[in-house]
Amino acid sequence: MTQYDKVLDHLKKYGTITSWEAIMRYRITRLSAVILLLRNDGYRITSEMKYSKENRYAIYRLEAY
């Protein structure tokens, strides 16, 4: 199964994914690149930036497919 397929399956099952989830569950270190491919294929994926004291990260959400 490709990274593309893993991320798409995760989004369909859970609705959202973060970079940390992608790294820990699937060993995907460039989630934004996979999200870009999905968007280019017509999937509506939004991103929401979250901020904490130490870092910032995006939560990607599958809106429709």
Foldseek 3Di string as FASTA:
>chain_A
DDLLVVVVVCCVVPFKDWQVRCCVPPVDNCVVVSVVVVVVVPFDKDWDWDDDPPDIIIIIGGDDD
